[in-house]
Amino acid sequence: MGATWEAWKARMETLPEDRCSLEKWLFLQVAGVLFAGKAGELLTLGVGPCRWELRRQIDRAQALAHAWGCSFAELTREECCARVVIYASAAVRKALSETPPWVFEKIGYAGDLDGEAFLAEVGRRWQQSGRIPHEVGLALGYPVKDVLGFMGLVSLPGAGGCGWRIFGDPGPSLRRSRRYALARERAVAFLGDAGRKTTERAFRPAPSMVRVAT
C-alpha cells in the first residue's frame, strides 16, 4: 500500500479505541474511492460503535478525507446521525460531464455543476423532501446509464444488480463493481485481523440505489 498507509496503520496502534475503530471503518468504506477510481462513498455517521458525539465524528471524517486527498460533503444531519459523502472531485466532475445536459435540465439542476455544487444541491433536496435524491448515484461511482435507468429517465431494461441496480448492458457495471469489491478486499487484507473485525462492527451502511428502490 505504500509508506503513507503503513505509517497510518502503525499510528492506529497508539490511538484510543473509539478513534481507531472509526478511522479503520472509514478506510474500509472508502477503499473504492482511494484505490479503485470510485467517484464517492455515501456514509451514515453516528450509528456505529464509536461513542464520540456526532459533531466530533463528522469533524474527524472530514479531516481524514482531506488527509487522504479526497473531498467531503455533509448532505443531511439529524439528531443522532448524519449522511456524508467522501469523494474524489475529479471523478465526480467526470461523471457529471458524461451525463447528458438534458438530464440536469429535466430534474431542475443548473448546468456546468462541479462536485461541490452538485452535492450541495443534492443535500438541500434531501433535507427538504426527507427522501434521498437518486441522482446522488452520479457522485457515487455508479455508471451513468444505471443511474438514469433507475430514475426512469432512459428506457433501458433492468439487468440485475451488483451492489446497485443495473440497466442495459451489464458488462461495464459488473466490471466496475468487481473493481470496487477488490479494493475493499485489499483494504481488509491490509488491516489484517483488525480489518476483518471492523467489517463485523455494527455501523449502518448508507442507503444505495438497491435499498432505496425497495
Foldseek 3Di string as FASTA:
>chain_A
DDDVVVVVLVVLVVDPPLVSLLVLLLCLQCLCQLPPVWFKFKFKPQPFPRPDQRVVSQVVSQVVLVVSVWHKDWQDDDRRITIMMTGHQVSLLVLLVPADPVVCVVVPHDPPDTPVVVSNVQSVVCVVPVARDLVCVSRGRAHPVQSCVLVVNDDFDWDQDLQATDTHDCVVRNVSSVSSVVSSVVSLVVSPPSSVVSVVTPGDGDDHNVRSVD
